[in-house]
Amino acid sequence: MKKLNYIAVGGISAAAAFLFVFAASVVPAPKLALMFCAGLCPLVLLSRHKVLYAAACHIASVLLMLLFIPNVFYALGYGVLFGLYPFLRYFARKTAKKRTEMLILWASAFVLMAAVGAVFLIVAGTGAVKLPLWAAGLLLVPVSAAAVWLEDVICAVFTRFLGRLKI
């Protein structure tokens, strides 16, 4: 693929990430699913090993989100967690020969997920059922681990799907 094609694919994936996060900030129900879908957008370029183009796409989409999305919390959630996880996963798969680096990347992804979840619990509340903060913290650990595992599975399936396409 030529350089202009990668730039065009990066622009389209940045726009798709922006639309997914905007929909997550507006639509009441499937917020987490839309944020996961937004996190898949950098994988389009990362599946072709174009890290710089994917990083530029991520930065452009975060800047667009900060400017145009009414709730900045969603833009920061994408920028810190859902958009960065494909990069962590890419570098973990690239250096999978060393188990310690893989463990460090998984731990950093878990810490990112826990931090965003904790901020979400503090800012947004716990929903209809009010829990004490210690109970919400205890629930946060297994939910964060499940979310990291789910995002890794979704990224693996999406990367295999992109490998079959001729983009």
C-alpha atoms as a PDB file:
ATOM      1  CA  MET A   1       0.000   0.000   0.000  1.00  0.00           C
ATOM      2  CA  LYS A   2       1.208   3.490  -0.713  1.00  0.00           C
ATOM      3  CA  LYS A   3       1.776   6.222   1.833  1.00  0.00           C
ATOM      4  CA  LEU A   4      -1.358   8.146   0.813  1.00  0.00           C
ATOM      5  CA  ASN A   5      -3.483   5.049   1.290  1.00  0.00           C
ATOM      6  CA  TYR A   6      -2.247   4.677   4.860  1.00  0.00           C
ATOM      7  CA  ILE A   7      -3.002   8.336   5.533  1.00  0.00           C
ATOM      8  CA  ALA A   8      -6.515   7.893   4.130  1.00  0.00           C
ATOM      9  CA  VAL A   9      -7.114   4.738   6.183  1.00  0.00           C
ATOM     10  CA  GLY A  10      -5.821   6.590   9.269  1.00  0.00           C
ATOM     11  CA  GLY A  11      -8.239   9.463   8.646  1.00  0.00           C
ATOM     12  CA  ILE A  12     -11.153   7.087   8.202  1.00  0.00           C
ATOM     13  CA  SER A  13     -10.263   5.175  11.374  1.00  0.00           C
ATOM     14  CA  ALA A  14      -9.894   8.463  13.309  1.00  0.00           C
ATOM     15  CA  ALA A  15     -13.329   9.522  12.089  1.00  0.00           C
ATOM     16  CA  ALA A  16     -14.785   6.135  13.015  1.00  0.00           C
ATOM     17  CA  ALA A  17     -13.281   6.348  16.513  1.00  0.00           C
ATOM     18  CA  PHE A  18     -14.699   9.853  16.887  1.00  0.00           C
ATOM     19  CA  LEU A  19     -18.160   8.683  15.813  1.00  0.00           C
ATOM     20  CA  PHE A  20     -18.098   5.704  18.189  1.00  0.00           C
ATOM     21  CA  VAL A  21     -17.080   7.856  21.164  1.00  0.00           C
ATOM     22  CA  PHE A  22     -19.576  10.561  20.247  1.00  0.00           C
ATOM     23  CA  ALA A  23     -22.301   7.928  20.087  1.00  0.00           C
ATOM     24  CA  ALA A  24     -21.163   6.591  23.471  1.00  0.00           C
ATOM     25  CA  SER A  25     -21.517  10.048  24.985  1.00  0.00           C
ATOM     26  CA  VAL A  26     -25.002  10.546  23.527  1.00  0.00           C
ATOM     27  CA  VAL A  27     -26.680   7.104  23.446  1.00  0.00           C
ATOM     28  CA  PRO A  28     -27.797   6.006  26.921  1.00  0.00           C
ATOM     29  CA  ALA A  29     -27.328   2.227  26.914  1.00  0.00           C
ATOM     30  CA  PRO A  30     -24.350   0.638  25.079  1.00  0.00           C
ATOM     31  CA  LYS A  31     -21.602   2.982  26.238  1.00  0.00           C
ATOM     32  CA  LEU A  32     -18.967   0.355  27.003  1.00  0.00           C
ATOM     33  CA  ALA A  33     -19.553  -1.542  23.759  1.00  0.00           C
ATOM     34  CA  LEU A  34     -19.172   1.639  21.729  1.00  0.00           C
ATOM     35  CA  MET A  35     -15.962   2.502  23.570  1.00  0.00           C
ATOM     36  CA  PHE A  36     -14.600  -0.982  22.797  1.00  0.00           C
ATOM     37  CA  CYS A  37     -15.473  -0.445  19.123  1.00  0.00           C
ATOM     38  CA  ALA A  38     -13.660   2.883  19.168  1.00  0.00           C
ATOM     39  CA  GLY A  39     -10.620   1.127  20.596  1.00  0.00           C
ATOM     40  CA  LEU A  40     -10.514  -1.182  17.574  1.00  0.00           C
ATOM     41  CA  CYS A  41      -9.928   1.680  15.132  1.00  0.00           C
ATOM     42  CA  PRO A  42      -6.129   1.967  15.648  1.00  0.00           C
ATOM     43  CA  LEU A  43      -5.854  -1.773  14.929  1.00  0.00           C
ATOM     44  CA  VAL A  44      -6.549  -1.146  11.247  1.00  0.00           C
ATOM     45  CA  LEU A  45      -3.115   0.437  10.876  1.00  0.00           C
ATOM     46  CA  LEU A  46      -1.397  -1.603  13.580  1.00  0.00           C
ATOM     47  CA  SER A  47      -2.313  -4.807  11.750  1.00  0.00           C
ATOM     48  CA  ARG A  48      -0.113  -3.537   8.895  1.00  0.00           C
ATOM     49  CA  HIS A  49       2.694  -2.619  11.349  1.00  0.00           C
ATOM     50  CA  LYS A  50       2.290   1.115  10.742  1.00  0.00           C
ATOM     51  CA  VAL A  51       2.792   2.342  14.303  1.00  0.00           C
ATOM     52  CA  LEU A  52       3.499   5.993  13.473  1.00  0.00           C
ATOM     53  CA  TYR A  53       0.391   6.293  11.318  1.00  0.00           C
ATOM     54  CA  ALA A  54      -1.679   4.622  14.042  1.00  0.00           C
ATOM     55  CA  ALA A  55      -0.243   6.972  16.686  1.00  0.00           C
ATOM     56  CA  ALA A  56      -1.026  10.001  14.523  1.00  0.00           C
ATOM     57  CA  CYS A  57      -4.557   8.653  14.003  1.00  0.00           C
ATOM     58  CA  HIS A  58      -4.967   8.191  17.763  1.00  0.00           C
ATOM     59  CA  ILE A  59      -3.722  11.699  18.565  1.00  0.00           C
ATOM     60  CA  ALA A  60      -5.928  13.256  15.881  1.00  0.00           C
ATOM     61  CA  SER A  61      -9.010  11.415  17.081  1.00  0.00           C
ATOM     62  CA  VAL A  62      -8.376  12.397  20.725  1.00  0.00           C
ATOM     63  CA  LEU A  63      -7.954  16.054  19.735  1.00  0.00           C
ATOM     64  CA  LEU A  64     -11.186  15.926  17.732  1.00  0.00           C
ATOM     65  CA  MET A  65     -12.958  14.356  20.686  1.00  0.00           C
ATOM     66  CA  LEU A  66     -11.683  16.980  23.111  1.00  0.00           C
ATOM     67  CA  LEU A  67     -12.920  19.732  20.804  1.00  0.00           C
ATOM     68  CA  PHE A  68     -16.311  18.421  19.740  1.00  0.00           C
ATOM     69  CA  ILE A  69     -17.645  15.875  22.246  1.00  0.00           C
ATOM     70  CA  PRO A  70     -19.769  17.519  24.942  1.00  0.00           C
ATOM     71  CA  ASN A  71     -18.582  15.236  27.770  1.00  0.00           C
ATOM     72  CA  VAL A  72     -14.774  15.306  27.982  1.00  0.00           C
ATOM     73  CA  PHE A  73     -14.813  12.229  30.237  1.00  0.00           C
ATOM     74  CA  TYR A  74     -15.444   9.980  27.219  1.00  0.00           C
ATOM     75  CA  ALA A  75     -12.646  11.566  25.190  1.00  0.00           C
ATOM     76  CA  LEU A  76     -10.181  11.076  28.048  1.00  0.00           C
ATOM     77  CA  GLY A  77     -11.390   7.516  28.592  1.00  0.00           C
ATOM     78  CA  TYR A  78     -10.710   6.736  24.964  1.00  0.00           C
ATOM     79  CA  GLY A  79      -7.394   8.571  24.942  1.00  0.00           C
ATOM     80  CA  VAL A  80      -6.045   6.931  28.085  1.00  0.00           C
ATOM     81  CA  LEU A  81      -7.522   3.451  27.968  1.00  0.00           C
ATOM     82  CA  PHE A  82      -9.447   2.217  24.969  1.00  0.00           C
ATOM     83  CA  GLY A  83      -7.224   3.883  22.384  1.00  0.00           C
ATOM     84  CA  LEU A  84      -3.923   2.993  24.055  1.00  0.00           C
ATOM     85  CA  TYR A  85      -4.672  -0.661  24.685  1.00  0.00           C
ATOM     86  CA  PRO A  86      -4.187  -1.702  21.026  1.00  0.00           C
ATOM     87  CA  PHE A  87      -0.717  -0.123  21.157  1.00  0.00           C
ATOM     88  CA  LEU A  88       0.111  -1.977  24.380  1.00  0.00           C
ATOM     89  CA  ARG A  89      -1.157  -5.178  22.804  1.00  0.00           C
ATOM     90  CA  TYR A  90       0.848  -4.603  19.626  1.00  0.00           C
ATOM     91  CA  PHE A  91       4.104  -4.093  21.522  1.00  0.00           C
ATOM     92  CA  ALA A  92       3.341  -7.026  23.818  1.00  0.00           C
ATOM     93  CA  ARG A  93       2.832  -9.317  20.829  1.00  0.00           C
ATOM     94  CA  LYS A  94       5.944  -7.941  19.164  1.00  0.00           C
ATOM     95  CA  THR A  95       8.094  -8.668  22.222  1.00  0.00           C
ATOM     96  CA  ALA A  96       6.302 -11.836  23.287  1.00  0.00           C
ATOM     97  CA  LYS A  97       9.613 -13.693  23.525  1.00  0.00           C
ATOM     98  CA  LYS A  98      10.217 -12.138  26.925  1.00  0.00           C
ATOM     99  CA  ARG A  99       7.550 -13.089  29.410  1.00  0.00           C
ATOM    100  CA  THR A 100       8.467 -10.314  31.815  1.00  0.00           C
ATOM    101  CA  GLU A 101       7.692  -7.628  29.243  1.00  0.00           C
ATOM    102  CA  MET A 102       4.366  -9.324  28.502  1.00  0.00           C
ATOM    103  CA  LEU A 103       3.589  -9.349  32.218  1.00  0.00           C
ATOM    104  CA  ILE A 104       4.510  -5.669  32.548  1.00  0.00           C
ATOM    105  CA  LEU A 105       2.271  -4.710  29.630  1.00  0.00           C
ATOM    106  CA  TRP A 106      -0.656  -6.716  31.000  1.00  0.00           C
ATOM    107  CA  ALA A 107      -0.158  -5.123  34.411  1.00  0.00           C
ATOM    108  CA  SER A 108      -0.043  -1.648  32.890  1.00  0.00           C
ATOM    109  CA  ALA A 109      -3.203  -2.339  30.915  1.00  0.00           C
ATOM    110  CA  PHE A 110      -4.882  -3.590  34.086  1.00  0.00           C
ATOM    111  CA  VAL A 111      -3.788  -0.491  36.006  1.00  0.00           C
ATOM    112  CA  LEU A 112      -5.122   1.751  33.230  1.00  0.00           C
ATOM    113  CA  MET A 113      -8.440  -0.102  33.235  1.00  0.00           C
ATOM    114  CA  ALA A 114      -8.673   0.093  37.035  1.00  0.00           C
ATOM    115  CA  ALA A 115      -7.838   3.799  37.071  1.00  0.00           C
ATOM    116  CA  VAL A 116     -10.462   4.662  34.483  1.00  0.00           C
ATOM    117  CA  GLY A 117     -12.973   2.438  36.254  1.00  0.00           C
ATOM    118  CA  ALA A 118     -12.274   4.110  39.580  1.00  0.00           C
ATOM    119  CA  VAL A 119     -12.702   7.551  38.050  1.00  0.00           C
ATOM    120  CA  PHE A 120     -15.918   6.360  36.437  1.00  0.00           C
ATOM    121  CA  LEU A 121     -17.214   5.078  39.787  1.00  0.00           C
ATOM    122  CA  ILE A 122     -16.346   8.326  41.535  1.00  0.00           C
ATOM    123  CA  VAL A 123     -17.642  10.693  38.822  1.00  0.00           C
ATOM    124  CA  ALA A 124     -20.630   8.849  37.448  1.00  0.00           C
ATOM    125  CA  GLY A 125     -21.747   7.097  40.626  1.00  0.00           C
ATOM    126  CA  THR A 126     -22.656   3.430  40.716  1.00  0.00           C
ATOM    127  CA  GLY A 127     -25.998   3.673  38.948  1.00  0.00           C
ATOM    128  CA  ALA A 128     -29.340   2.716  40.450  1.00  0.00           C
ATOM    129  CA  VAL A 129     -27.808   0.693  43.284  1.00  0.00           C
ATOM    130  CA  LYS A 130     -25.718   2.820  45.628  1.00  0.00           C
ATOM    131  CA  LEU A 131     -22.728   0.904  46.942  1.00  0.00           C
ATOM    132  CA  PRO A 132     -20.185   1.977  49.534  1.00  0.00           C
ATOM    133  CA  LEU A 133     -16.831   2.890  48.046  1.00  0.00           C
ATOM    134  CA  TRP A 134     -15.064  -0.179  49.468  1.00  0.00           C
ATOM    135  CA  ALA A 135     -17.628  -2.512  47.843  1.00  0.00           C
ATOM    136  CA  ALA A 136     -17.309  -0.717  44.526  1.00  0.00           C
ATOM    137  CA  GLY A 137     -13.536  -1.069  44.801  1.00  0.00           C
ATOM    138  CA  LEU A 138     -13.848  -4.809  45.422  1.00  0.00           C
ATOM    139  CA  LEU A 139     -16.092  -5.141  42.374  1.00  0.00           C
ATOM    140  CA  LEU A 140     -13.685  -3.081  40.303  1.00  0.00           C
ATOM    141  CA  VAL A 141     -10.846  -5.634  40.362  1.00  0.00           C
ATOM    142  CA  PRO A 142     -12.628  -8.615  38.718  1.00  0.00           C
ATOM    143  CA  VAL A 143     -14.555  -6.343  36.372  1.00  0.00           C
ATOM    144  CA  SER A 144     -11.308  -4.706  35.250  1.00  0.00           C
ATOM    145  CA  ALA A 145      -9.644  -8.060  34.687  1.00  0.00           C
ATOM    146  CA  ALA A 146     -12.633  -9.276  32.681  1.00  0.00           C
ATOM    147  CA  ALA A 147     -12.652  -6.089  30.616  1.00  0.00           C
ATOM    148  CA  VAL A 148      -8.938  -6.396  29.789  1.00  0.00           C
ATOM    149  CA  TRP A 149      -9.427 -10.033  28.806  1.00  0.00           C
ATOM    150  CA  LEU A 150     -12.480  -9.168  26.692  1.00  0.00           C
ATOM    151  CA  GLU A 151     -10.670  -6.351  24.916  1.00  0.00           C
ATOM    152  CA  ASP A 152      -7.731  -8.647  24.190  1.00  0.00           C
ATOM    153  CA  VAL A 153     -10.034 -11.282  22.689  1.00  0.00           C
ATOM    154  CA  ILE A 154     -11.861  -8.684  20.603  1.00  0.00           C
ATOM    155  CA  CYS A 155      -8.535  -7.251  19.378  1.00  0.00           C
ATOM    156  CA  ALA A 156      -7.286 -10.728  18.429  1.00  0.00           C
ATOM    157  CA  VAL A 157     -10.438 -11.558  16.466  1.00  0.00           C
ATOM    158  CA  PHE A 158     -10.454  -8.168  14.741  1.00  0.00           C
ATOM    159  CA  THR A 159      -6.756  -8.455  13.842  1.00  0.00           C
ATOM    160  CA  ARG A 160      -7.339 -11.885  12.291  1.00  0.00           C
ATOM    161  CA  PHE A 161     -10.259 -10.450  10.338  1.00  0.00           C
ATOM    162  CA  LEU A 162      -8.120  -7.535   9.099  1.00  0.00           C
ATOM    163  CA  GLY A 163      -5.420  -9.979   8.036  1.00  0.00           C
ATOM    164  CA  ARG A 164      -7.850 -11.546   5.604  1.00  0.00           C
ATOM    165  CA  LEU A 165      -8.835  -8.222   4.078  1.00  0.00           C
ATOM    166  CA  LYS A 166      -6.778  -6.570   1.390  1.00  0.00           C
ATOM    167  CA  ILE A 167      -6.731  -3.063   2.870  1.00  0.00           C
END
